[in-house]
Amino acid sequence: MTTRIEEKLYRIYWEFFEKAERERRWSVFDDIPWDKVNQEASEDLALCAETFCCVELYLPDYITYALGVVRNSFGQSWFQANWGYEESKHALSLGEYLVRSGKRTKDQLHDLHNRIFSKQFVGKYPTAIGGTCYGIVQEMATFLIYCKHRARAAAEGDECLRTIYNLIARDEIAHAHFYGDAIKVFLESDREGTLEHLVHVMQTFEMPGVDIVPDYDSRILKMREAGIDSTVFNRKVFQPILSYLSVTRDEMRKARLSLKAKDDKRRPKEGVSAPASARAM
């Protein structure tokens, strides 16, 4: 990574950090109205909160993956350290909500933690650009999901959970903007290559809980009742990302074609065996 790019990334992080310190920091102890928990709220509401908590609990894996990818970038690695702190508050507040609402006991949460740690999240994008593209999609997606469930909590009269979701959503959109600003720097340096990374992420994206959160398939059915499907995802996640990055649909189409051509070139032709060295990989 060139000095010029690194200087820009450092400046982006410094601005992100200053705004977070001055405008966005919140306390698990002081800023959540714990006395306004609705203990009569539905089990569906609790199950969704528990699922969010499960995803947040993979925090050590996320940080290990992300720091391994961006370790050589001061701006990005310090952002990941800050991101880990903020995400830890998300997990703590959701877990505390489940106990204070009476929906889960501490023993049940402890058992859930053990089940969570029996599996490990492994990131699929091994470069700083790829990991950053994954970051903006994932954060925009979680921002949308938390906003939808914030409305759901409000509809059930649970001001405590509504506040938690609101605070988390504010963090998630701030994280998405940091990733977006970093991608803009990469676009300035290598627009074609960066767009190919973005296309690859959008084609292969999965939420981090897939295949590792206990009972994920049954949980996701309840999550989708908030009104999030592929059409909403495209309109509320992918399109806003392209708008934020000032990337056109035509550019994405060309990047898809370019990426496909490169993949086809690397793929062995039908009827021709791959080299022994490739088969051994």
C-alpha atoms as a PDB file:
ATOM      1  CA  MET A   1       0.000   0.000   0.000  1.00  0.00           C
ATOM      2  CA  THR A   2       1.521   3.334  -1.064  1.00  0.00           C
ATOM      3  CA  THR A   3       2.272   6.122   1.386  1.00  0.00           C
ATOM      4  CA  ARG A   4      -0.311   8.376  -0.260  1.00  0.00           C
ATOM      5  CA  ILE A   5      -3.100   5.817   0.105  1.00  0.00           C
ATOM      6  CA  GLU A   6      -2.124   5.101   3.697  1.00  0.00           C
ATOM      7  CA  GLU A   7      -2.121   8.807   4.544  1.00  0.00           C
ATOM      8  CA  LYS A   8      -5.672   9.133   3.187  1.00  0.00           C
ATOM      9  CA  LEU A   9      -6.856   6.090   5.137  1.00  0.00           C
ATOM     10  CA  TYR A  10      -5.313   7.465   8.315  1.00  0.00           C
ATOM     11  CA  ARG A  11      -7.091  10.786   7.806  1.00  0.00           C
ATOM     12  CA  ILE A  12     -10.412   8.981   7.224  1.00  0.00           C
ATOM     13  CA  TYR A  13      -9.967   7.051  10.453  1.00  0.00           C
ATOM     14  CA  TRP A  14      -9.008  10.189  12.394  1.00  0.00           C
ATOM     15  CA  GLU A  15     -12.204  11.934  11.213  1.00  0.00           C
ATOM     16  CA  PHE A  16     -14.280   8.839  12.004  1.00  0.00           C
ATOM     17  CA  PHE A  17     -12.764   8.598  15.489  1.00  0.00           C
ATOM     18  CA  GLU A  18     -13.249  12.298  16.276  1.00  0.00           C
ATOM     19  CA  LYS A  19     -16.913  12.193  15.260  1.00  0.00           C
ATOM     20  CA  ALA A  20     -17.467   9.019  17.279  1.00  0.00           C
ATOM     21  CA  GLU A  21     -15.873  10.549  20.382  1.00  0.00           C
ATOM     22  CA  ARG A  22     -17.738  13.840  20.120  1.00  0.00           C
ATOM     23  CA  GLU A  23     -21.161  12.758  18.848  1.00  0.00           C
ATOM     24  CA  ARG A  24     -21.830   9.019  18.920  1.00  0.00           C
ATOM     25  CA  ARG A  25     -20.412   7.347  22.026  1.00  0.00           C
ATOM     26  CA  TRP A  26     -23.003   5.728  24.276  1.00  0.00           C
ATOM     27  CA  SER A  27     -22.999   3.848  27.540  1.00  0.00           C
ATOM     28  CA  VAL A  28     -24.543   0.453  28.207  1.00  0.00           C
ATOM     29  CA  PHE A  29     -25.136   1.644  31.774  1.00  0.00           C
ATOM     30  CA  ASP A  30     -26.435   5.190  31.278  1.00  0.00           C
ATOM     31  CA  ASP A  31     -28.071   5.458  27.852  1.00  0.00           C
ATOM     32  CA  ILE A  32     -30.389   2.452  27.780  1.00  0.00           C
ATOM     33  CA  PRO A  33     -33.729   2.745  29.651  1.00  0.00           C
ATOM     34  CA  TRP A  34     -33.517  -0.594  31.441  1.00  0.00           C
ATOM     35  CA  ASP A  35     -36.606   0.288  33.468  1.00  0.00           C
ATOM     36  CA  LYS A  36     -38.663   0.309  30.257  1.00  0.00           C
ATOM     37  CA  VAL A  37     -38.188  -3.358  29.357  1.00  0.00           C
ATOM     38  CA  ASN A  38     -41.489  -4.876  28.260  1.00  0.00           C
ATOM     39  CA  GLN A  39     -41.553  -8.255  29.968  1.00  0.00           C
ATOM     40  CA  GLU A  40     -44.796  -9.042  28.140  1.00  0.00           C
ATOM     41  CA  ALA A  41     -43.166  -8.715  24.714  1.00  0.00           C
ATOM     42  CA  SER A  42     -43.409 -11.717  22.413  1.00  0.00           C
ATOM     43  CA  GLU A  43     -41.018 -14.659  22.307  1.00  0.00           C
ATOM     44  CA  ASP A  44     -40.446 -13.835  18.624  1.00  0.00           C
ATOM     45  CA  LEU A  45     -39.018 -10.466  19.652  1.00  0.00           C
ATOM     46  CA  ALA A  46     -36.713 -12.170  22.154  1.00  0.00           C
ATOM     47  CA  LEU A  47     -35.642 -14.813  19.630  1.00  0.00           C
ATOM     48  CA  CYS A  48     -34.574 -12.142  17.152  1.00  0.00           C
ATOM     49  CA  ALA A  49     -32.655 -10.261  19.866  1.00  0.00           C
ATOM     50  CA  GLU A  50     -30.982 -13.529  20.849  1.00  0.00           C
ATOM     51  CA  THR A  51     -30.020 -14.173  17.223  1.00  0.00           C
ATOM     52  CA  PHE A  52     -28.426 -10.734  16.954  1.00  0.00           C
ATOM     53  CA  CYS A  53     -26.571 -11.480  20.183  1.00  0.00           C
ATOM     54  CA  CYS A  54     -25.321 -14.781  18.728  1.00  0.00           C
ATOM     55  CA  VAL A  55     -23.907 -13.057  15.663  1.00  0.00           C
ATOM     56  CA  GLU A  56     -22.227 -10.378  17.786  1.00  0.00           C
ATOM     57  CA  LEU A  57     -20.586 -13.020  19.995  1.00  0.00           C
ATOM     58  CA  TYR A  58     -18.279 -14.121  17.170  1.00  0.00           C
ATOM     59  CA  LEU A  59     -16.439 -10.842  17.764  1.00  0.00           C
ATOM     60  CA  PRO A  60     -13.021 -12.472  18.505  1.00  0.00           C
ATOM     61  CA  ASP A  61     -13.175 -14.289  15.158  1.00  0.00           C
ATOM     62  CA  TYR A  62     -14.189 -11.156  13.262  1.00  0.00           C
ATOM     63  CA  ILE A  63     -11.345  -9.126  14.763  1.00  0.00           C
ATOM     64  CA  THR A  64      -8.779 -11.870  14.154  1.00  0.00           C
ATOM     65  CA  TYR A  65      -9.845 -12.090  10.517  1.00  0.00           C
ATOM     66  CA  ALA A  66     -10.030  -8.347   9.898  1.00  0.00           C
ATOM     67  CA  LEU A  67      -6.749  -7.442  11.590  1.00  0.00           C
ATOM     68  CA  GLY A  68      -5.007 -10.202   9.661  1.00  0.00           C
ATOM     69  CA  VAL A  69      -6.198  -8.632   6.427  1.00  0.00           C
ATOM     70  CA  VAL A  70      -5.474  -4.943   7.197  1.00  0.00           C
ATOM     71  CA  ARG A  71      -2.595  -5.243   9.680  1.00  0.00           C
ATOM     72  CA  ASN A  72      -0.211  -3.171   7.553  1.00  0.00           C
ATOM     73  CA  SER A  73      -2.602  -0.205   7.366  1.00  0.00           C
ATOM     74  CA  PHE A  74      -2.560   1.994  10.458  1.00  0.00           C
ATOM     75  CA  GLY A  75      -5.854   3.697   9.611  1.00  0.00           C
ATOM     76  CA  GLN A  76      -7.717   0.470   8.887  1.00  0.00           C
ATOM     77  CA  SER A  77      -6.228  -1.592  11.713  1.00  0.00           C
ATOM     78  CA  TRP A  78      -6.971   1.107  14.303  1.00  0.00           C
ATOM     79  CA  PHE A  79     -10.490   1.316  12.924  1.00  0.00           C
ATOM     80  CA  GLN A  80     -10.886  -2.426  13.496  1.00  0.00           C
ATOM     81  CA  ALA A  81      -9.776  -2.025  17.098  1.00  0.00           C
ATOM     82  CA  ASN A  82     -12.377   0.723  17.564  1.00  0.00           C
ATOM     83  CA  TRP A  83     -14.964  -1.372  15.692  1.00  0.00           C
ATOM     84  CA  GLY A  84     -14.354  -4.258  18.097  1.00  0.00           C
ATOM     85  CA  TYR A  85     -15.006  -2.016  21.110  1.00  0.00           C
ATOM     86  CA  GLU A  86     -18.276  -0.752  19.662  1.00  0.00           C
ATOM     87  CA  GLU A  87     -19.450  -4.218  18.610  1.00  0.00           C
ATOM     88  CA  SER A  88     -18.697  -5.574  22.081  1.00  0.00           C
ATOM     89  CA  LYS A  89     -21.256  -3.123  23.500  1.00  0.00           C
ATOM     90  CA  HIS A  90     -23.824  -4.471  21.062  1.00  0.00           C
ATOM     91  CA  ALA A  91     -23.378  -8.009  22.370  1.00  0.00           C
ATOM     92  CA  LEU A  92     -23.365  -6.909  26.004  1.00  0.00           C
ATOM     93  CA  SER A  93     -26.523  -4.812  25.717  1.00  0.00           C
ATOM     94  CA  LEU A  94     -28.448  -7.527  23.843  1.00  0.00           C
ATOM     95  CA  GLY A  95     -27.439 -10.188  26.357  1.00  0.00           C
ATOM     96  CA  GLU A  96     -28.393  -7.954  29.260  1.00  0.00           C
ATOM     97  CA  TYR A  97     -31.740  -7.234  27.633  1.00  0.00           C
ATOM     98  CA  LEU A  98     -32.540 -10.942  27.354  1.00  0.00           C
ATOM     99  CA  VAL A  99     -31.880 -11.442  31.067  1.00  0.00           C
ATOM    100  CA  ARG A 100     -33.659  -8.298  32.296  1.00  0.00           C
ATOM    101  CA  SER A 101     -36.685  -9.017  30.112  1.00  0.00           C
ATOM    102  CA  GLY A 102     -36.982 -12.419  31.752  1.00  0.00           C
ATOM    103  CA  LYS A 103     -36.850 -14.136  28.360  1.00  0.00           C
ATOM    104  CA  ARG A 104     -33.575 -15.936  29.117  1.00  0.00           C
ATOM    105  CA  THR A 105     -31.696 -16.887  32.274  1.00  0.00           C
ATOM    106  CA  LYS A 106     -28.008 -16.337  32.807  1.00  0.00           C
ATOM    107  CA  ASP A 107     -27.504 -20.105  32.635  1.00  0.00           C
ATOM    108  CA  GLN A 108     -29.262 -20.244  29.273  1.00  0.00           C
ATOM    109  CA  LEU A 109     -27.027 -17.480  27.929  1.00  0.00           C
ATOM    110  CA  HIS A 110     -23.946 -19.239  29.278  1.00  0.00           C
ATOM    111  CA  ASP A 111     -24.992 -22.411  27.466  1.00  0.00           C
ATOM    112  CA  LEU A 112     -25.582 -20.391  24.301  1.00  0.00           C
ATOM    113  CA  HIS A 113     -22.099 -18.878  24.572  1.00  0.00           C
ATOM    114  CA  ASN A 114     -20.583 -22.360  24.758  1.00  0.00           C
ATOM    115  CA  ARG A 115     -22.502 -23.437  21.667  1.00  0.00           C
ATOM    116  CA  ILE A 116     -21.367 -20.291  19.841  1.00  0.00           C
ATOM    117  CA  PHE A 117     -17.709 -20.853  20.615  1.00  0.00           C
ATOM    118  CA  SER A 118     -17.846 -24.433  19.343  1.00  0.00           C
ATOM    119  CA  LYS A 119     -17.732 -23.035  15.793  1.00  0.00           C
ATOM    120  CA  GLN A 120     -15.543 -20.401  14.206  1.00  0.00           C
ATOM    121  CA  PHE A 121     -16.175 -17.623  11.701  1.00  0.00           C
ATOM    122  CA  VAL A 122     -13.687 -17.666   8.817  1.00  0.00           C
ATOM    123  CA  GLY A 123     -13.555 -14.693   6.445  1.00  0.00           C
ATOM    124  CA  LYS A 124     -13.685 -15.363   2.717  1.00  0.00           C
ATOM    125  CA  TYR A 125     -11.945 -12.240   1.412  1.00  0.00           C
ATOM    126  CA  PRO A 126      -8.166 -12.322   2.008  1.00  0.00           C
ATOM    127  CA  THR A 127      -7.189  -8.838   0.766  1.00  0.00           C
ATOM    128  CA  ALA A 128      -7.623  -5.396   2.300  1.00  0.00           C
ATOM    129  CA  ILE A 129      -9.773  -4.254  -0.630  1.00  0.00           C
ATOM    130  CA  GLY A 130     -11.931  -7.385  -0.598  1.00  0.00           C
ATOM    131  CA  GLY A 131     -12.345  -7.274   3.168  1.00  0.00           C
ATOM    132  CA  THR A 132     -13.308  -3.603   3.010  1.00  0.00           C
ATOM    133  CA  CYS A 133     -15.900  -4.289   0.294  1.00  0.00           C
ATOM    134  CA  TYR A 134     -17.332  -7.062   2.468  1.00  0.00           C
ATOM    135  CA  GLY A 135     -17.368  -4.640   5.392  1.00  0.00           C
ATOM    136  CA  ILE A 136     -19.544  -2.039   3.695  1.00  0.00           C
ATOM    137  CA  VAL A 137     -22.080  -4.624   2.500  1.00  0.00           C
ATOM    138  CA  GLN A 138     -22.266  -6.317   5.888  1.00  0.00           C
ATOM    139  CA  GLU A 139     -22.619  -3.045   7.815  1.00  0.00           C
ATOM    140  CA  MET A 140     -25.246  -1.643   5.457  1.00  0.00           C
ATOM    141  CA  ALA A 141     -27.153  -4.918   5.751  1.00  0.00           C
ATOM    142  CA  THR A 142     -27.068  -4.928   9.541  1.00  0.00           C
ATOM    143  CA  PHE A 143     -28.050  -1.246   9.628  1.00  0.00           C
ATOM    144  CA  LEU A 144     -31.137  -2.074   7.564  1.00  0.00           C
ATOM    145  CA  ILE A 145     -31.970  -5.109   9.696  1.00  0.00           C
ATOM    146  CA  TYR A 146     -31.627  -3.230  12.994  1.00  0.00           C
ATOM    147  CA  CYS A 147     -33.810  -0.401  11.668  1.00  0.00           C
ATOM    148  CA  LYS A 148     -36.520  -2.894  10.715  1.00  0.00           C
ATOM    149  CA  HIS A 149     -36.365  -4.571  14.127  1.00  0.00           C
ATOM    150  CA  ARG A 150     -36.287  -1.208  15.893  1.00  0.00           C
ATOM    151  CA  ALA A 151     -39.746  -0.595  14.432  1.00  0.00           C
ATOM    152  CA  ARG A 152     -40.795  -4.077  15.496  1.00  0.00           C
ATOM    153  CA  ALA A 153     -39.716  -3.432  19.103  1.00  0.00           C
ATOM    154  CA  ALA A 154     -41.549  -0.108  19.096  1.00  0.00           C
ATOM    155  CA  ALA A 155     -44.708  -1.820  17.848  1.00  0.00           C
ATOM    156  CA  GLU A 156     -44.580  -4.152  20.862  1.00  0.00           C
ATOM    157  CA  GLY A 157     -44.060  -1.276  23.269  1.00  0.00           C
ATOM    158  CA  ASP A 158     -40.531  -2.287  24.285  1.00  0.00           C
ATOM    159  CA  GLU A 159     -38.772   1.063  24.617  1.00  0.00           C
ATOM    160  CA  CYS A 160     -35.672  -0.579  26.069  1.00  0.00           C
ATOM    161  CA  LEU A 161     -35.071  -2.836  23.072  1.00  0.00           C
ATOM    162  CA  ARG A 162     -36.078  -0.085  20.651  1.00  0.00           C
ATOM    163  CA  THR A 163     -33.361   2.129  22.158  1.00  0.00           C
ATOM    164  CA  ILE A 164     -30.774  -0.643  21.957  1.00  0.00           C
ATOM    165  CA  TYR A 165     -31.539  -1.211  18.286  1.00  0.00           C
ATOM    166  CA  ASN A 166     -31.414   2.526  17.627  1.00  0.00           C
ATOM    167  CA  LEU A 167     -27.983   2.895  19.234  1.00  0.00           C
ATOM    168  CA  ILE A 168     -26.627  -0.131  17.384  1.00  0.00           C
ATOM    169  CA  ALA A 169     -28.033   1.088  14.054  1.00  0.00           C
ATOM    170  CA  ARG A 170     -26.222   4.421  14.515  1.00  0.00           C
ATOM    171  CA  ASP A 171     -22.954   2.560  14.997  1.00  0.00           C
ATOM    172  CA  GLU A 172     -23.546   0.308  11.995  1.00  0.00           C
ATOM    173  CA  ILE A 173     -24.178   3.128   9.531  1.00  0.00           C
ATOM    174  CA  ALA A 174     -21.082   4.946  10.822  1.00  0.00           C
ATOM    175  CA  HIS A 175     -19.036   1.789  10.211  1.00  0.00           C
ATOM    176  CA  ALA A 176     -20.504   1.488   6.711  1.00  0.00           C
ATOM    177  CA  HIS A 177     -19.489   5.062   5.920  1.00  0.00           C
ATOM    178  CA  PHE A 178     -15.923   4.423   7.063  1.00  0.00           C
ATOM    179  CA  TYR A 179     -15.678   1.393   4.797  1.00  0.00           C
ATOM    180  CA  GLY A 180     -17.224   3.400   1.974  1.00  0.00           C
ATOM    181  CA  ASP A 181     -14.746   6.237   2.391  1.00  0.00           C
ATOM    182  CA  ALA A 182     -11.880   3.714   2.362  1.00  0.00           C
ATOM    183  CA  ILE A 183     -13.246   2.148  -0.833  1.00  0.00           C
ATOM    184  CA  LYS A 184     -13.324   5.593  -2.440  1.00  0.00           C
ATOM    185  CA  VAL A 185      -9.579   5.803  -1.822  1.00  0.00           C
ATOM    186  CA  PHE A 186      -9.064   2.416  -3.454  1.00  0.00           C
ATOM    187  CA  LEU A 187     -11.236   3.488  -6.396  1.00  0.00           C
ATOM    188  CA  GLU A 188      -9.002   6.518  -6.944  1.00  0.00           C
ATOM    189  CA  SER A 189      -5.948   4.260  -7.101  1.00  0.00           C
ATOM    190  CA  ASP A 190      -7.374   1.318  -9.095  1.00  0.00           C
ATOM    191  CA  ARG A 191     -10.999   1.780 -10.117  1.00  0.00           C
ATOM    192  CA  GLU A 192     -11.258  -1.330 -12.295  1.00  0.00           C
ATOM    193  CA  GLY A 193      -9.650  -3.677  -9.790  1.00  0.00           C
ATOM    194  CA  THR A 194     -11.635  -2.269  -6.862  1.00  0.00           C
ATOM    195  CA  LEU A 195     -14.936  -2.628  -8.736  1.00  0.00           C
ATOM    196  CA  GLU A 196     -14.110  -6.251  -9.491  1.00  0.00           C
ATOM    197  CA  HIS A 197     -13.619  -6.854  -5.770  1.00  0.00           C
ATOM    198  CA  LEU A 198     -16.957  -5.170  -5.075  1.00  0.00           C
ATOM    199  CA  VAL A 199     -18.705  -7.286  -7.715  1.00  0.00           C
ATOM    200  CA  HIS A 200     -17.199 -10.457  -6.261  1.00  0.00           C
ATOM    201  CA  VAL A 201     -18.385  -9.574  -2.754  1.00  0.00           C
ATOM    202  CA  MET A 202     -21.896  -8.702  -3.923  1.00  0.00           C
ATOM    203  CA  GLN A 203     -22.123 -11.988  -5.843  1.00  0.00           C
ATOM    204  CA  THR A 204     -20.891 -14.140  -2.958  1.00  0.00           C
ATOM    205  CA  PHE A 205     -22.075 -12.205   0.115  1.00  0.00           C
ATOM    206  CA  GLU A 206     -23.548 -14.044   3.074  1.00  0.00           C
ATOM    207  CA  MET A 207     -24.382 -12.713   6.511  1.00  0.00           C
ATOM    208  CA  PRO A 208     -21.733 -13.810   9.037  1.00  0.00           C
ATOM    209  CA  GLY A 209     -24.117 -16.034  10.995  1.00  0.00           C
ATOM    210  CA  VAL A 210     -24.799 -18.442   8.126  1.00  0.00           C
ATOM    211  CA  ASP A 211     -23.818 -22.046   9.006  1.00  0.00           C
ATOM    212  CA  ILE A 212     -22.338 -21.144  12.398  1.00  0.00           C
ATOM    213  CA  VAL A 213     -25.116 -19.630  14.565  1.00  0.00           C
ATOM    214  CA  PRO A 214     -27.026 -22.453  16.331  1.00  0.00           C
ATOM    215  CA  ASP A 215     -30.384 -23.206  14.653  1.00  0.00           C
ATOM    216  CA  TYR A 216     -29.714 -20.495  12.088  1.00  0.00           C
ATOM    217  CA  ASP A 217     -32.232 -21.716   9.501  1.00  0.00           C
ATOM    218  CA  SER A 218     -35.169 -21.612  11.904  1.00  0.00           C
ATOM    219  CA  ARG A 219     -34.030 -18.294  13.358  1.00  0.00           C
ATOM    220  CA  ILE A 220     -33.762 -16.602   9.969  1.00  0.00           C
ATOM    221  CA  LEU A 221     -37.407 -17.331   9.212  1.00  0.00           C
ATOM    222  CA  LYS A 222     -38.411 -15.180  12.181  1.00  0.00           C
ATOM    223  CA  MET A 223     -35.905 -12.493  11.223  1.00  0.00           C
ATOM    224  CA  ARG A 224     -37.390 -12.201   7.733  1.00  0.00           C
ATOM    225  CA  GLU A 225     -40.827 -11.458   9.158  1.00  0.00           C
ATOM    226  CA  ALA A 226     -39.552  -7.895   9.607  1.00  0.00           C
ATOM    227  CA  GLY A 227     -39.924  -7.513   5.831  1.00  0.00           C
ATOM    228  CA  ILE A 228     -36.436  -8.119   4.456  1.00  0.00           C
ATOM    229  CA  ASP A 229     -36.149 -10.107   1.240  1.00  0.00           C
ATOM    230  CA  SER A 230     -33.836 -10.061  -1.783  1.00  0.00           C
ATOM    231  CA  THR A 231     -35.733  -7.177  -3.400  1.00  0.00           C
ATOM    232  CA  VAL A 232     -35.488  -5.039  -0.263  1.00  0.00           C
ATOM    233  CA  PHE A 233     -31.851  -6.046   0.152  1.00  0.00           C
ATOM    234  CA  ASN A 234     -31.031  -4.895  -3.373  1.00  0.00           C
ATOM    235  CA  ARG A 235     -32.924  -1.610  -2.995  1.00  0.00           C
ATOM    236  CA  LYS A 236     -31.825  -0.757   0.557  1.00  0.00           C
ATOM    237  CA  VAL A 237     -28.295  -2.201   0.662  1.00  0.00           C
ATOM    238  CA  PHE A 238     -26.686  -2.632  -2.754  1.00  0.00           C
ATOM    239  CA  GLN A 239     -28.127   0.461  -4.437  1.00  0.00           C
ATOM    240  CA  PRO A 240     -27.300   2.873  -1.572  1.00  0.00           C
ATOM    241  CA  ILE A 241     -23.731   1.528  -1.570  1.00  0.00           C
ATOM    242  CA  LEU A 242     -23.315   2.250  -5.285  1.00  0.00           C
ATOM    243  CA  SER A 243     -24.796   5.706  -4.764  1.00  0.00           C
ATOM    244  CA  TYR A 244     -22.441   6.443  -1.847  1.00  0.00           C
ATOM    245  CA  LEU A 245     -19.452   5.352  -3.933  1.00  0.00           C
ATOM    246  CA  SER A 246     -20.652   7.210  -7.052  1.00  0.00           C
ATOM    247  CA  VAL A 247     -20.505   3.963  -9.031  1.00  0.00           C
ATOM    248  CA  THR A 248     -22.921   3.413 -11.925  1.00  0.00           C
ATOM    249  CA  ARG A 249     -24.757   0.234 -12.842  1.00  0.00           C
ATOM    250  CA  ASP A 250     -22.946   0.253 -16.184  1.00  0.00           C
ATOM    251  CA  GLU A 251     -19.596   0.238 -14.379  1.00  0.00           C
ATOM    252  CA  MET A 252     -20.733  -2.725 -12.290  1.00  0.00           C
ATOM    253  CA  ARG A 253     -21.903  -4.567 -15.412  1.00  0.00           C
ATOM    254  CA  LYS A 254     -18.512  -4.044 -17.068  1.00  0.00           C
ATOM    255  CA  ALA A 255     -16.731  -5.153 -13.903  1.00  0.00           C
ATOM    256  CA  ARG A 256     -18.863  -8.337 -13.801  1.00  0.00           C
ATOM    257  CA  LEU A 257     -17.969  -9.131 -17.406  1.00  0.00           C
ATOM    258  CA  SER A 258     -14.284  -8.454 -16.772  1.00  0.00           C
ATOM    259  CA  LEU A 259     -14.282 -10.634 -13.657  1.00  0.00           C
ATOM    260  CA  LYS A 260     -16.072 -13.438 -15.491  1.00  0.00           C
ATOM    261  CA  ALA A 261     -13.583 -13.304 -18.352  1.00  0.00           C
ATOM    262  CA  LYS A 262     -10.684 -13.585 -15.914  1.00  0.00           C
ATOM    263  CA  ASP A 263     -12.353 -16.476 -14.090  1.00  0.00           C
ATOM    264  CA  ASP A 264     -13.009 -18.274 -17.395  1.00  0.00           C
ATOM    265  CA  LYS A 265      -9.396 -17.824 -18.391  1.00  0.00           C
ATOM    266  CA  ARG A 266      -8.169 -19.307 -15.110  1.00  0.00           C
ATOM    267  CA  ARG A 267     -10.634 -22.214 -15.233  1.00  0.00           C
ATOM    268  CA  PRO A 268      -9.319 -25.367 -17.006  1.00  0.00           C
ATOM    269  CA  LYS A 269     -11.014 -26.010 -20.356  1.00  0.00           C
ATOM    270  CA  GLU A 270     -13.561 -28.817 -20.533  1.00  0.00           C
ATOM    271  CA  GLY A 271     -11.868 -32.157 -21.178  1.00  0.00           C
ATOM    272  CA  VAL A 272      -8.428 -30.841 -20.218  1.00  0.00           C
ATOM    273  CA  SER A 273      -6.997 -31.887 -16.870  1.00  0.00           C
ATOM    274  CA  ALA A 274      -5.701 -29.211 -14.568  1.00  0.00           C
ATOM    275  CA  PRO A 275      -1.929 -29.209 -13.939  1.00  0.00           C
ATOM    276  CA  ALA A 276      -0.828 -31.495 -11.144  1.00  0.00           C
ATOM    277  CA  SER A 277       0.300 -28.491  -9.082  1.00  0.00           C
ATOM    278  CA  ALA A 278      -3.197 -27.001  -9.249  1.00  0.00           C
ATOM    279  CA  ARG A 279      -4.911 -30.272  -8.393  1.00  0.00           C
ATOM    280  CA  ALA A 280      -2.766 -30.538  -5.282  1.00  0.00           C
ATOM    281  CA  MET A 281      -3.873 -27.139  -3.972  1.00  0.00           C
END
